[in-house]
Amino acid sequence: MVAFQWHYEDVIGHYCSISVVASLDNDEKERVKQEMRTVMDKHGLISEEHKVVVPFYTELYVTEKVKSD
C-alpha cells in the first residue's frame, strides 16, 4: 500500500479530478467540493499545518479468455 500525504485542498482536488465528479457542471462540482470540506472539517482534517494521509490501493486481476467449443 502507498499512502499519500496531502494538504486538504489537494485531497479535494484529487477526488474532483475523477471523471464522475469532473464531468459535473460547475455549480454541482462546487457543491461536491463544499460537501467534502464539510466532512473533512467534521473529522478534524481541515488544517493548514497538517497533511491528510490518503491510502492508495491498486488491484490487478489477471484473467484468461475461455475458448468456446
C-alpha atoms as a PDB file:
ATOM      1  CA  MET A   1       0.000   0.000   0.000  1.00  0.00           C
ATOM      2  CA  VAL A   2       1.093   3.527  -0.764  1.00  0.00           C
ATOM      3  CA  ALA A   3      -0.081   6.406   1.397  1.00  0.00           C
ATOM      4  CA  PHE A   4      -0.081   9.935   0.026  1.00  0.00           C
ATOM      5  CA  GLN A   5       0.188  12.869   2.404  1.00  0.00           C
ATOM      6  CA  TRP A   6      -1.609  15.900   1.037  1.00  0.00           C
ATOM      7  CA  HIS A   7      -2.922  19.260   2.177  1.00  0.00           C
ATOM      8  CA  TYR A   8      -6.729  19.005   2.472  1.00  0.00           C
ATOM      9  CA  GLU A   9      -7.292  21.150  -0.666  1.00  0.00           C
ATOM     10  CA  ASP A  10      -5.060  18.741  -2.633  1.00  0.00           C
ATOM     11  CA  VAL A  11      -7.230  15.825  -1.461  1.00  0.00           C
ATOM     12  CA  ILE A  12     -10.340  17.646  -2.679  1.00  0.00           C
ATOM     13  CA  GLY A  13      -8.636  18.481  -5.982  1.00  0.00           C
ATOM     14  CA  HIS A  14      -7.613  14.874  -6.497  1.00  0.00           C
ATOM     15  CA  TYR A  15     -11.086  13.471  -5.952  1.00  0.00           C
ATOM     16  CA  CYS A  16     -12.666  16.198  -8.064  1.00  0.00           C
ATOM     17  CA  SER A  17     -10.436  15.174 -10.964  1.00  0.00           C
ATOM     18  CA  ILE A  18     -12.050  11.731 -11.070  1.00  0.00           C
ATOM     19  CA  SER A  19     -14.342  11.575 -14.092  1.00  0.00           C
ATOM     20  CA  VAL A  20     -17.601  11.104 -12.185  1.00  0.00           C
ATOM     21  CA  VAL A  21     -17.028  14.473 -10.446  1.00  0.00           C
ATOM     22  CA  ALA A  22     -15.041  16.205 -13.190  1.00  0.00           C
ATOM     23  CA  SER A  23     -17.909  15.735 -15.640  1.00  0.00           C
ATOM     24  CA  LEU A  24     -20.381  17.649 -13.427  1.00  0.00           C
ATOM     25  CA  ASP A  25     -21.366  21.214 -14.255  1.00  0.00           C
ATOM     26  CA  ASN A  26     -19.548  23.915 -12.259  1.00  0.00           C
ATOM     27  CA  ASP A  27     -22.351  24.523  -9.744  1.00  0.00           C
ATOM     28  CA  GLU A  28     -22.656  20.827  -8.930  1.00  0.00           C
ATOM     29  CA  LYS A  29     -18.869  20.470  -8.721  1.00  0.00           C
ATOM     30  CA  GLU A  30     -18.719  23.323  -6.207  1.00  0.00           C
ATOM     31  CA  ARG A  31     -21.463  21.634  -4.165  1.00  0.00           C
ATOM     32  CA  VAL A  32     -19.418  18.403  -4.084  1.00  0.00           C
ATOM     33  CA  LYS A  33     -16.294  20.330  -3.031  1.00  0.00           C
ATOM     34  CA  GLN A  34     -18.212  22.014  -0.217  1.00  0.00           C
ATOM     35  CA  GLU A  35     -19.608  18.678   0.955  1.00  0.00           C
ATOM     36  CA  MET A  36     -16.068  17.267   1.018  1.00  0.00           C
ATOM     37  CA  ARG A  37     -14.846  20.245   3.060  1.00  0.00           C
ATOM     38  CA  THR A  38     -17.751  19.771   5.492  1.00  0.00           C
ATOM     39  CA  VAL A  39     -16.961  16.072   6.005  1.00  0.00           C
ATOM     40  CA  MET A  40     -13.234  16.749   6.368  1.00  0.00           C
ATOM     41  CA  ASP A  41     -13.903  19.549   8.848  1.00  0.00           C
ATOM     42  CA  LYS A  42     -16.235  17.307  10.869  1.00  0.00           C
ATOM     43  CA  HIS A  43     -13.348  14.852  11.244  1.00  0.00           C
ATOM     44  CA  GLY A  44     -10.736  17.479  12.064  1.00  0.00           C
ATOM     45  CA  LEU A  45      -8.910  17.192   8.739  1.00  0.00           C
ATOM     46  CA  ILE A  46      -9.020  20.882   7.770  1.00  0.00           C
ATOM     47  CA  SER A  47      -5.655  22.250   8.808  1.00  0.00           C
ATOM     48  CA  GLU A  48      -3.009  24.490   7.301  1.00  0.00           C
ATOM     49  CA  GLU A  49      -0.237  22.723   9.247  1.00  0.00           C
ATOM     50  CA  HIS A  50      -1.193  19.066   8.971  1.00  0.00           C
ATOM     51  CA  LYS A  51      -1.425  16.791   5.976  1.00  0.00           C
ATOM     52  CA  VAL A  52      -4.156  14.262   5.290  1.00  0.00           C
ATOM     53  CA  VAL A  53      -2.944  10.689   4.798  1.00  0.00           C
ATOM     54  CA  VAL A  54      -4.748   9.048   1.884  1.00  0.00           C
ATOM     55  CA  PRO A  55      -4.110   5.324   1.420  1.00  0.00           C
ATOM     56  CA  PHE A  56      -3.894   4.298  -2.204  1.00  0.00           C
ATOM     57  CA  TYR A  57      -4.519   0.709  -3.227  1.00  0.00           C
ATOM     58  CA  THR A  58      -4.110  -0.809  -6.645  1.00  0.00           C
ATOM     59  CA  GLU A  59      -5.517  -4.191  -7.523  1.00  0.00           C
ATOM     60  CA  LEU A  60      -4.604  -6.192 -10.569  1.00  0.00           C
ATOM     61  CA  TYR A  61      -6.695  -9.047 -11.854  1.00  0.00           C
ATOM     62  CA  VAL A  62      -5.300 -11.496 -14.383  1.00  0.00           C
ATOM     63  CA  THR A  63      -7.860 -13.312 -16.495  1.00  0.00           C
ATOM     64  CA  GLU A  64      -7.815 -15.717 -19.357  1.00  0.00           C
ATOM     65  CA  LYS A  65     -10.288 -15.983 -22.168  1.00  0.00           C
ATOM     66  CA  VAL A  66     -12.066 -19.317 -22.101  1.00  0.00           C
ATOM     67  CA  LYS A  67     -12.225 -20.926 -25.526  1.00  0.00           C
ATOM     68  CA  SER A  68     -15.704 -21.964 -26.520  1.00  0.00           C
ATOM     69  CA  ASP A  69     -16.147 -25.203 -28.377  1.00  0.00           C
END
